[in-house]
Amino acid sequence: MFQWYFGEDAISGATQRTYELPDLLLSNAGDYSCYVTDDMGSPGDPGDDETIVSEVAQIEIAPHIEIVTPPEGGIKHTRNSHVFSVTVTGGYEPLEYQWSKNGQIIPDATSPTYSMLRLEASDSGIYIVEISDSNTDVIQSPGADLEVLEDLPALSLLALGLLAGLCMLGGALTVRKKT
């Protein structure tokens, strides 16, 4: 005779050699065991029956991985920095992360954040992170578009400053002539 238990409670109707859970729910997580009783002594005399308890089978159930905060792109200038980050819930630990740019895996970019220092125009692209758990769950973030704009060269900035200064000086000279 078989009787399956969930924790300390007998499972109603679970008296077969195997026990199947039709639909796993978070509430099904816990310890399961089976009591096997023989009727080898006098039939109908429970006093001489022998009961053996199985090893405990622990069932862990985790919700699917869900992205709470997806990575964000942006518009940046060269020589600036940008940090992508993602926040997730669910899954079986440990979680693994892999960042990619335009579909190409970025080596060593395997954490919830990916930092880029001293951006270059070639860093522009669509960044995605794939998160997987130790079971079989895998999810991919939406793409985060990063656009890196070229800064004006330093000489151009200096020339622009001189031009602005001349315009102001010219305006001041014009004002003085009219007085």
N, C-alpha and C. Protein backbone atom coordinates (compact mmCIF):
# COMPACT_ATOMS: atom_id res chain seq x y z
N MET A 1 0.85 -1.16 0.00
CA MET A 1 0.00 0.00 0.00
C MET A 1 0.91 1.25 0.00
N PHE A 2 0.53 2.24 -0.77
CA PHE A 2 1.30 3.47 -0.91
C PHE A 2 0.47 4.65 -0.43
N GLN A 3 1.16 5.61 0.20
CA GLN A 3 0.51 6.86 0.57
C GLN A 3 1.53 7.98 0.41
N TRP A 4 1.24 8.93 -0.47
CA TRP A 4 2.12 10.06 -0.71
C TRP A 4 1.78 11.20 0.24
N TYR A 5 2.84 11.93 0.65
CA TYR A 5 2.69 13.05 1.58
C TYR A 5 3.32 14.31 0.97
N PHE A 6 2.67 15.42 1.27
CA PHE A 6 3.23 16.74 0.96
C PHE A 6 3.53 17.36 2.30
N GLY A 7 4.82 17.45 2.63
CA GLY A 7 5.21 17.86 3.97
C GLY A 7 4.75 16.80 4.95
N GLU A 8 3.95 17.18 5.92
CA GLU A 8 3.44 16.24 6.94
C GLU A 8 2.02 15.75 6.62
N ASP A 9 1.45 16.24 5.52
CA ASP A 9 0.04 15.94 5.22
C ASP A 9 -0.09 14.88 4.13
N ALA A 10 -0.94 13.87 4.38
CA ALA A 10 -1.24 12.86 3.37
C ALA A 10 -1.99 13.53 2.22
N ILE A 11 -1.63 13.15 0.99
CA ILE A 11 -2.29 13.70 -0.19
C ILE A 11 -3.48 12.80 -0.51
N SER A 12 -4.65 13.37 -0.48
CA SER A 12 -5.88 12.60 -0.72
C SER A 12 -5.84 11.94 -2.10
N GLY A 13 -6.09 10.64 -2.14
CA GLY A 13 -6.14 9.89 -3.39
C GLY A 13 -4.79 9.51 -3.96
N ALA A 14 -3.70 9.91 -3.34
CA ALA A 14 -2.34 9.61 -3.86
C ALA A 14 -1.86 8.31 -3.23
N THR A 15 -2.38 7.18 -3.74
CA THR A 15 -2.09 5.87 -3.15
C THR A 15 -1.52 4.90 -4.17
N GLN A 16 -0.92 5.44 -5.22
CA GLN A 16 -0.31 4.58 -6.25
C GLN A 16 1.21 4.61 -6.10
N ARG A 17 1.86 3.76 -6.85
CA ARG A 17 3.32 3.66 -6.83
C ARG A 17 3.97 4.98 -7.23
N THR A 18 3.35 5.73 -8.15
CA THR A 18 3.88 7.03 -8.58
C THR A 18 2.83 8.10 -8.29
N TYR A 19 3.32 9.34 -8.20
CA TYR A 19 2.42 10.47 -7.98
C TYR A 19 2.80 11.56 -8.96
N GLU A 20 1.82 12.03 -9.73
CA GLU A 20 2.07 13.08 -10.71
C GLU A 20 1.31 14.34 -10.34
N LEU A 21 1.98 15.45 -10.53
CA LEU A 21 1.34 16.76 -10.36
C LEU A 21 0.91 17.21 -11.75
N PRO A 22 -0.39 17.34 -12.00
CA PRO A 22 -0.84 17.67 -13.35
C PRO A 22 -0.39 19.06 -13.82
N ASP A 23 -0.54 20.07 -12.98
CA ASP A 23 -0.14 21.43 -13.33
C ASP A 23 0.68 21.97 -12.17
N LEU A 24 1.94 22.28 -12.44
CA LEU A 24 2.78 22.80 -11.37
C LEU A 24 2.43 24.25 -11.08
N LEU A 25 2.22 24.52 -9.82
CA LEU A 25 1.96 25.87 -9.35
C LEU A 25 3.01 26.21 -8.30
N LEU A 26 3.19 27.48 -8.02
CA LEU A 26 4.15 27.87 -6.98
C LEU A 26 3.81 27.21 -5.65
N SER A 27 2.52 27.00 -5.40
CA SER A 27 2.10 26.38 -4.13
C SER A 27 2.47 24.90 -4.04
N ASN A 28 2.89 24.28 -5.17
CA ASN A 28 3.31 22.88 -5.16
C ASN A 28 4.76 22.70 -4.71
N ALA A 29 5.48 23.78 -4.52
CA ALA A 29 6.88 23.68 -4.08
C ALA A 29 6.91 23.14 -2.65
N GLY A 30 7.82 22.23 -2.39
CA GLY A 30 7.94 21.69 -1.04
C GLY A 30 8.49 20.28 -1.03
N ASP A 31 8.32 19.60 0.10
CA ASP A 31 8.86 18.26 0.30
C ASP A 31 7.78 17.20 0.10
N TYR A 32 8.12 16.18 -0.69
CA TYR A 32 7.22 15.06 -0.95
C TYR A 32 7.90 13.77 -0.49
N SER A 33 7.10 12.86 0.06
CA SER A 33 7.61 11.54 0.44
C SER A 33 6.49 10.52 0.28
N CYS A 34 6.89 9.25 0.25
CA CYS A 34 5.92 8.18 0.10
C CYS A 34 6.12 7.17 1.22
N TYR A 35 5.03 6.79 1.86
CA TYR A 35 5.04 5.74 2.88
C TYR A 35 4.57 4.46 2.21
N VAL A 36 5.40 3.44 2.27
CA VAL A 36 5.07 2.15 1.67
C VAL A 36 4.85 1.17 2.82
N THR A 37 3.65 0.60 2.87
CA THR A 37 3.29 -0.33 3.95
C THR A 37 2.98 -1.69 3.35
N ASP A 38 3.58 -2.74 3.94
CA ASP A 38 3.25 -4.09 3.47
C ASP A 38 2.25 -4.72 4.43
N ASP A 39 1.59 -5.72 3.95
CA ASP A 39 0.63 -6.47 4.77
C ASP A 39 1.11 -7.92 4.83
N MET A 40 2.39 -8.07 5.19
CA MET A 40 3.02 -9.38 5.15
C MET A 40 2.67 -10.25 6.36
N GLY A 41 2.25 -9.62 7.44
CA GLY A 41 1.90 -10.40 8.64
C GLY A 41 0.51 -10.97 8.49
N SER A 42 -0.23 -10.92 9.54
CA SER A 42 -1.61 -11.40 9.52
C SER A 42 -2.45 -10.45 8.69
N PRO A 43 -3.17 -10.95 7.69
CA PRO A 43 -4.00 -10.07 6.87
C PRO A 43 -5.01 -9.32 7.73
N GLY A 44 -5.10 -8.01 7.48
CA GLY A 44 -6.03 -7.18 8.22
C GLY A 44 -5.54 -6.73 9.58
N ASP A 45 -4.36 -7.19 10.01
CA ASP A 45 -3.82 -6.80 11.33
C ASP A 45 -2.74 -5.75 11.11
N PRO A 46 -3.09 -4.47 11.30
CA PRO A 46 -2.11 -3.42 11.05
C PRO A 46 -0.96 -3.45 12.05
N GLY A 47 -1.10 -4.16 13.15
CA GLY A 47 -0.05 -4.21 14.17
C GLY A 47 1.21 -4.90 13.70
N ASP A 48 1.13 -5.79 12.72
CA ASP A 48 2.33 -6.47 12.27
C ASP A 48 2.77 -6.02 10.87
N ASP A 49 2.19 -4.91 10.37
CA ASP A 49 2.59 -4.35 9.07
C ASP A 49 3.91 -3.59 9.23
N GLU A 50 4.68 -3.57 8.17
CA GLU A 50 5.94 -2.82 8.19
C GLU A 50 5.81 -1.64 7.22
N THR A 51 6.22 -0.44 7.67
CA THR A 51 6.14 0.76 6.84
C THR A 51 7.55 1.31 6.62
N ILE A 52 7.83 1.60 5.37
CA ILE A 52 9.11 2.21 4.98
C ILE A 52 8.79 3.58 4.38
N VAL A 53 9.58 4.58 4.75
CA VAL A 53 9.38 5.94 4.24
C VAL A 53 10.48 6.24 3.21
N SER A 54 10.06 6.75 2.08
CA SER A 54 11.01 7.09 1.02
C SER A 54 11.89 8.27 1.43
N GLU A 55 12.93 8.48 0.64
CA GLU A 55 13.71 9.71 0.77
C GLU A 55 12.80 10.88 0.43
N VAL A 56 13.07 12.03 0.98
CA VAL A 56 12.27 13.23 0.68
C VAL A 56 12.69 13.75 -0.70
N ALA A 57 11.69 14.02 -1.51
CA ALA A 57 11.92 14.66 -2.82
C ALA A 57 11.48 16.11 -2.69
N GLN A 58 12.44 17.02 -2.88
CA GLN A 58 12.12 18.44 -2.74
C GLN A 58 11.89 19.03 -4.13
N ILE A 59 10.75 19.67 -4.28
CA ILE A 59 10.42 20.30 -5.56
C ILE A 59 10.51 21.81 -5.39
N GLU A 60 11.33 22.41 -6.25
CA GLU A 60 11.44 23.87 -6.29
C GLU A 60 10.73 24.36 -7.53
N ILE A 61 9.97 25.40 -7.37
CA ILE A 61 9.25 25.98 -8.50
C ILE A 61 9.49 27.48 -8.48
N ALA A 62 9.98 28.00 -9.59
CA ALA A 62 10.24 29.44 -9.69
C ALA A 62 9.43 30.00 -10.84
N PRO A 63 8.95 31.22 -10.71
CA PRO A 63 8.26 31.84 -11.84
C PRO A 63 9.25 32.09 -12.98
N HIS A 64 8.72 32.25 -14.17
CA HIS A 64 9.57 32.55 -15.33
C HIS A 64 10.32 33.86 -15.10
N ILE A 65 11.46 33.98 -15.74
CA ILE A 65 12.22 35.22 -15.68
C ILE A 65 11.38 36.34 -16.31
N GLU A 66 11.35 37.47 -15.63
CA GLU A 66 10.61 38.62 -16.14
C GLU A 66 11.49 39.86 -16.02
N ILE A 67 11.54 40.63 -17.08
CA ILE A 67 12.32 41.87 -17.06
C ILE A 67 11.48 42.96 -16.40
N VAL A 68 12.01 43.50 -15.30
CA VAL A 68 11.32 44.57 -14.56
C VAL A 68 11.74 45.93 -15.12
N THR A 69 13.04 46.12 -15.32
CA THR A 69 13.57 47.36 -15.87
C THR A 69 14.46 47.02 -17.06
N PRO A 70 14.03 47.33 -18.28
CA PRO A 70 14.85 47.00 -19.45
C PRO A 70 16.00 48.00 -19.61
N PRO A 71 17.02 47.62 -20.37
CA PRO A 71 18.12 48.56 -20.63
C PRO A 71 17.63 49.74 -21.46
N GLU A 72 18.27 50.89 -21.24
CA GLU A 72 17.91 52.10 -21.97
C GLU A 72 19.09 52.57 -22.81
N GLY A 73 18.78 52.98 -24.02
CA GLY A 73 19.79 53.56 -24.90
C GLY A 73 19.85 55.06 -24.68
N GLY A 74 20.23 55.77 -25.70
CA GLY A 74 20.29 57.22 -25.59
C GLY A 74 21.13 57.81 -26.69
N ILE A 75 21.28 59.11 -26.63
CA ILE A 75 22.15 59.83 -27.56
C ILE A 75 23.28 60.41 -26.73
N LYS A 76 24.50 60.05 -27.09
CA LYS A 76 25.69 60.50 -26.36
C LYS A 76 26.70 61.04 -27.36
N HIS A 77 27.69 61.72 -26.83
CA HIS A 77 28.79 62.23 -27.66
C HIS A 77 30.04 61.37 -27.42
N THR A 78 30.90 61.38 -28.41
CA THR A 78 32.15 60.64 -28.26
C THR A 78 32.88 61.13 -27.00
N ARG A 79 33.64 60.25 -26.45
CA ARG A 79 34.43 60.44 -25.22
C ARG A 79 33.56 60.45 -23.96
N ASN A 80 32.23 60.39 -24.08
CA ASN A 80 31.36 60.24 -22.92
C ASN A 80 31.28 58.76 -22.57
N SER A 81 30.51 58.42 -21.53
CA SER A 81 30.32 57.01 -21.17
C SER A 81 28.82 56.71 -21.17
N HIS A 82 28.51 55.41 -21.16
CA HIS A 82 27.12 54.97 -21.09
C HIS A 82 27.08 53.64 -20.35
N VAL A 83 26.05 53.47 -19.52
CA VAL A 83 25.86 52.22 -18.78
C VAL A 83 24.50 51.65 -19.12
N PHE A 84 24.49 50.41 -19.61
CA PHE A 84 23.24 49.67 -19.82
C PHE A 84 23.03 48.83 -18.57
N SER A 85 21.78 48.71 -18.13
CA SER A 85 21.49 47.82 -17.01
C SER A 85 20.10 47.22 -17.19
N VAL A 86 19.91 46.06 -16.58
CA VAL A 86 18.63 45.36 -16.63
C VAL A 86 18.33 44.82 -15.24
N THR A 87 17.05 44.86 -14.85
CA THR A 87 16.60 44.29 -13.59
C THR A 87 15.56 43.23 -13.90
N VAL A 88 15.73 42.05 -13.30
CA VAL A 88 14.80 40.94 -13.56
C VAL A 88 14.32 40.32 -12.25
N THR A 89 13.23 39.57 -12.34
CA THR A 89 12.75 38.74 -11.24
C THR A 89 12.51 37.35 -11.79
N GLY A 90 12.40 36.37 -10.90
CA GLY A 90 12.07 35.00 -11.29
C GLY A 90 13.28 34.20 -11.70
N GLY A 91 13.01 33.01 -12.20
CA GLY A 91 14.06 32.12 -12.65
C GLY A 91 14.74 31.38 -11.51
N TYR A 92 15.48 30.36 -11.88
CA TYR A 92 16.27 29.57 -10.93
C TYR A 92 17.69 30.11 -10.90
N GLU A 93 18.17 30.41 -9.70
CA GLU A 93 19.54 30.91 -9.55
C GLU A 93 20.54 29.81 -9.89
N PRO A 94 21.70 30.14 -10.39
CA PRO A 94 22.16 31.49 -10.74
C PRO A 94 21.66 31.89 -12.13
N LEU A 95 21.42 33.17 -12.28
CA LEU A 95 21.04 33.71 -13.58
C LEU A 95 22.30 34.06 -14.35
N GLU A 96 22.23 33.91 -15.67
CA GLU A 96 23.36 34.26 -16.54
C GLU A 96 22.91 35.35 -17.50
N TYR A 97 23.83 36.27 -17.78
CA TYR A 97 23.55 37.41 -18.65
C TYR A 97 24.54 37.41 -19.80
N GLN A 98 24.07 37.78 -21.01
CA GLN A 98 24.97 37.93 -22.15
C GLN A 98 24.48 39.11 -22.99
N TRP A 99 25.33 40.15 -23.07
CA TRP A 99 25.01 41.34 -23.86
C TRP A 99 25.48 41.14 -25.29
N SER A 100 24.74 41.75 -26.23
CA SER A 100 25.14 41.73 -27.63
C SER A 100 24.84 43.09 -28.25
N LYS A 101 25.58 43.38 -29.31
CA LYS A 101 25.39 44.63 -30.07
C LYS A 101 25.12 44.25 -31.51
N ASN A 102 24.00 44.71 -32.03
CA ASN A 102 23.62 44.41 -33.42
C ASN A 102 23.69 42.91 -33.71
N GLY A 103 23.28 42.09 -32.74
CA GLY A 103 23.25 40.64 -32.94
C GLY A 103 24.57 39.93 -32.70
N GLN A 104 25.63 40.66 -32.39
CA GLN A 104 26.94 40.06 -32.15
C GLN A 104 27.24 40.03 -30.66
N ILE A 105 27.59 38.87 -30.13
CA ILE A 105 27.89 38.73 -28.70
C ILE A 105 29.08 39.61 -28.34
N ILE A 106 28.97 40.28 -27.20
CA ILE A 106 30.07 41.10 -26.68
C ILE A 106 30.82 40.25 -25.66
N PRO A 107 32.07 39.90 -25.94
CA PRO A 107 32.83 39.05 -25.01
C PRO A 107 32.94 39.68 -23.62
N ASP A 108 32.82 38.87 -22.60
CA ASP A 108 32.96 39.27 -21.20
C ASP A 108 31.89 40.24 -20.72
N ALA A 109 30.83 40.44 -21.47
CA ALA A 109 29.71 41.30 -21.04
C ALA A 109 28.63 40.37 -20.48
N THR A 110 28.85 39.91 -19.24
CA THR A 110 28.02 38.84 -18.67
C THR A 110 27.48 39.18 -17.28
N SER A 111 27.11 40.42 -17.08
CA SER A 111 26.52 40.80 -15.79
C SER A 111 25.26 41.63 -16.07
N PRO A 112 24.49 41.97 -15.04
CA PRO A 112 23.28 42.76 -15.27
C PRO A 112 23.55 44.17 -15.79
N THR A 113 24.80 44.63 -15.69
CA THR A 113 25.15 45.94 -16.24
C THR A 113 26.28 45.79 -17.25
N TYR A 114 26.27 46.68 -18.22
CA TYR A 114 27.35 46.73 -19.21
C TYR A 114 27.76 48.19 -19.35
N SER A 115 29.00 48.49 -18.95
CA SER A 115 29.50 49.88 -18.95
C SER A 115 30.42 50.11 -20.13
N MET A 116 30.25 51.26 -20.76
CA MET A 116 31.10 51.66 -21.88
C MET A 116 31.72 53.00 -21.54
N LEU A 117 33.04 53.04 -21.48
CA LEU A 117 33.77 54.27 -21.18
C LEU A 117 34.36 54.82 -22.47
N ARG A 118 34.46 56.12 -22.58
CA ARG A 118 35.05 56.78 -23.76
C ARG A 118 34.42 56.26 -25.06
N LEU A 119 33.18 56.61 -25.25
CA LEU A 119 32.44 56.16 -26.43
C LEU A 119 33.08 56.66 -27.71
N GLU A 120 32.92 55.86 -28.75
CA GLU A 120 33.33 56.22 -30.11
C GLU A 120 32.10 56.10 -30.99
N ALA A 121 32.13 56.73 -32.15
CA ALA A 121 30.99 56.67 -33.06
C ALA A 121 30.65 55.23 -33.41
N SER A 122 31.65 54.36 -33.48
CA SER A 122 31.42 52.95 -33.82
C SER A 122 30.66 52.19 -32.73
N ASP A 123 30.48 52.79 -31.56
CA ASP A 123 29.71 52.15 -30.48
C ASP A 123 28.21 52.29 -30.70
N SER A 124 27.79 53.08 -31.69
CA SER A 124 26.37 53.22 -31.99
C SER A 124 25.81 51.86 -32.39
N GLY A 125 24.58 51.57 -31.95
CA GLY A 125 23.95 50.31 -32.33
C GLY A 125 22.81 49.95 -31.40
N ILE A 126 22.25 48.76 -31.64
CA ILE A 126 21.16 48.22 -30.83
C ILE A 126 21.76 47.20 -29.87
N TYR A 127 21.56 47.41 -28.58
CA TYR A 127 22.11 46.54 -27.54
C TYR A 127 20.97 45.73 -26.91
N ILE A 128 21.23 44.44 -26.75
CA ILE A 128 20.26 43.50 -26.18
C ILE A 128 20.98 42.66 -25.14
N VAL A 129 20.26 42.28 -24.08
CA VAL A 129 20.81 41.34 -23.11
C VAL A 129 19.90 40.12 -23.07
N GLU A 130 20.53 38.94 -23.05
CA GLU A 130 19.79 37.69 -22.92
C GLU A 130 20.04 37.15 -21.52
N ILE A 131 18.96 36.80 -20.83
CA ILE A 131 19.07 36.30 -19.46
C ILE A 131 18.56 34.87 -19.46
N SER A 132 19.33 33.96 -18.84
CA SER A 132 18.90 32.57 -18.72
C SER A 132 19.12 32.11 -17.29
N ASP A 133 18.35 31.08 -16.91
CA ASP A 133 18.50 30.54 -15.55
C ASP A 133 19.13 29.16 -15.61
N SER A 134 19.30 28.55 -14.43
CA SER A 134 19.96 27.25 -14.35
C SER A 134 19.04 26.11 -14.78
N ASN A 135 17.80 26.41 -15.13
CA ASN A 135 16.89 25.38 -15.61
C ASN A 135 16.83 25.49 -17.13
N THR A 136 15.78 26.03 -17.70
CA THR A 136 15.70 26.17 -19.16
C THR A 136 15.07 27.48 -19.59
N ASP A 137 14.86 28.39 -18.66
CA ASP A 137 14.18 29.65 -18.98
C ASP A 137 15.17 30.63 -19.61
N VAL A 138 14.75 31.26 -20.70
CA VAL A 138 15.57 32.25 -21.40
C VAL A 138 14.67 33.39 -21.83
N ILE A 139 15.14 34.62 -21.64
CA ILE A 139 14.38 35.80 -22.08
C ILE A 139 15.36 36.81 -22.64
N GLN A 140 14.89 37.61 -23.59
CA GLN A 140 15.74 38.62 -24.21
C GLN A 140 15.09 39.99 -24.00
N SER A 141 15.91 40.97 -23.70
CA SER A 141 15.39 42.32 -23.50
C SER A 141 15.01 42.94 -24.84
N PRO A 142 14.17 43.96 -24.78
CA PRO A 142 13.97 44.74 -26.01
C PRO A 142 15.28 45.45 -26.35
N GLY A 143 15.45 45.81 -27.60
CA GLY A 143 16.67 46.49 -28.01
C GLY A 143 16.75 47.90 -27.46
N ALA A 144 17.95 48.27 -27.04
CA ALA A 144 18.21 49.63 -26.56
C ALA A 144 19.12 50.30 -27.58
N ASP A 145 18.64 51.37 -28.19
CA ASP A 145 19.37 52.05 -29.26
C ASP A 145 20.30 53.10 -28.68
N LEU A 146 21.59 52.93 -28.94
CA LEU A 146 22.59 53.92 -28.52
C LEU A 146 23.12 54.61 -29.77
N GLU A 147 23.01 55.94 -29.77
CA GLU A 147 23.55 56.73 -30.88
C GLU A 147 24.68 57.59 -30.33
N VAL A 148 25.86 57.44 -30.91
CA VAL A 148 27.02 58.20 -30.46
C VAL A 148 27.36 59.21 -31.55
N LEU A 149 27.30 60.50 -31.18
CA LEU A 149 27.57 61.59 -32.12
C LEU A 149 29.01 62.05 -31.97
N GLU A 150 29.59 62.42 -33.10
CA GLU A 150 30.97 62.93 -33.08
C GLU A 150 30.97 64.31 -32.45
N ASP A 151 31.92 64.56 -31.55
CA ASP A 151 32.11 65.90 -31.01
C ASP A 151 32.83 66.74 -32.05
N LEU A 152 32.63 68.05 -31.97
CA LEU A 152 33.39 68.93 -32.85
C LEU A 152 34.84 68.91 -32.41
N PRO A 153 35.79 68.90 -33.35
CA PRO A 153 37.19 68.94 -32.95
C PRO A 153 37.49 70.20 -32.14
N ALA A 154 38.50 70.15 -31.31
CA ALA A 154 38.85 71.25 -30.41
C ALA A 154 39.13 72.54 -31.19
N LEU A 155 39.80 72.43 -32.33
CA LEU A 155 40.09 73.64 -33.13
C LEU A 155 38.80 74.27 -33.64
N SER A 156 37.83 73.45 -34.02
CA SER A 156 36.55 73.99 -34.48
C SER A 156 35.84 74.71 -33.35
N LEU A 157 35.92 74.17 -32.15
CA LEU A 157 35.31 74.83 -31.00
C LEU A 157 36.00 76.17 -30.72
N LEU A 158 37.32 76.20 -30.83
CA LEU A 158 38.07 77.43 -30.61
C LEU A 158 37.68 78.46 -31.67
N ALA A 159 37.60 78.02 -32.92
CA ALA A 159 37.21 78.94 -34.00
C ALA A 159 35.79 79.45 -33.79
N LEU A 160 34.90 78.59 -33.35
CA LEU A 160 33.53 78.99 -33.08
C LEU A 160 33.48 80.02 -31.96
N GLY A 161 34.31 79.83 -30.94
CA GLY A 161 34.38 80.78 -29.83
C GLY A 161 34.90 82.13 -30.30
N LEU A 162 35.93 82.12 -31.13
CA LEU A 162 36.48 83.38 -31.67
C LEU A 162 35.45 84.10 -32.52
N LEU A 163 34.70 83.33 -33.34
CA LEU A 163 33.68 83.93 -34.18
C LEU A 163 32.59 84.56 -33.32
N ALA A 164 32.17 83.87 -32.27
CA ALA A 164 31.15 84.42 -31.37
C ALA A 164 31.67 85.69 -30.72
N GLY A 165 32.95 85.68 -30.31
CA GLY A 165 33.53 86.87 -29.69
C GLY A 165 33.58 88.04 -30.65
N LEU A 166 33.95 87.78 -31.91
CA LEU A 166 33.98 88.83 -32.90
C LEU A 166 32.58 89.40 -33.17
N CYS A 167 31.59 88.51 -33.18
CA CYS A 167 30.21 88.98 -33.39
C CYS A 167 29.79 89.91 -32.26
N MET A 168 30.14 89.52 -31.04
CA MET A 168 29.78 90.36 -29.89
C MET A 168 30.54 91.68 -29.96
N LEU A 169 31.82 91.63 -30.30
CA LEU A 169 32.63 92.83 -30.39
C LEU A 169 32.11 93.73 -31.52
N GLY A 170 31.80 93.10 -32.65
CA GLY A 170 31.26 93.87 -33.78
C GLY A 170 29.94 94.53 -33.42
N GLY A 171 29.09 93.81 -32.68
CA GLY A 171 27.81 94.36 -32.25
C GLY A 171 28.04 95.53 -31.30
N ALA A 172 29.03 95.40 -30.43
CA ALA A 172 29.32 96.48 -29.49
C ALA A 172 29.86 97.69 -30.25
N LEU A 173 30.71 97.46 -31.25
CA LEU A 173 31.25 98.57 -32.02
C LEU A 173 30.15 99.28 -32.80
N THR A 174 29.21 98.50 -33.33
CA THR A 174 28.11 99.07 -34.07
C THR A 174 27.25 99.94 -33.15
N VAL A 175 27.02 99.48 -31.95
CA VAL A 175 26.23 100.23 -30.99
C VAL A 175 26.93 101.54 -30.66
N ARG A 176 28.26 101.50 -30.52
CA ARG A 176 28.99 102.71 -30.18
C ARG A 176 28.94 103.74 -31.32
N LYS A 177 28.94 103.26 -32.54
CA LYS A 177 28.90 104.19 -33.66
C LYS A 177 27.57 104.94 -33.71
N LYS A 178 26.51 104.33 -33.28
CA LYS A 178 25.19 104.95 -33.35
C LYS A 178 24.97 105.92 -32.21
N THR A 179 25.77 105.91 -31.18
CA THR A 179 25.58 106.82 -30.06
C THR A 179 26.12 108.17 -30.28
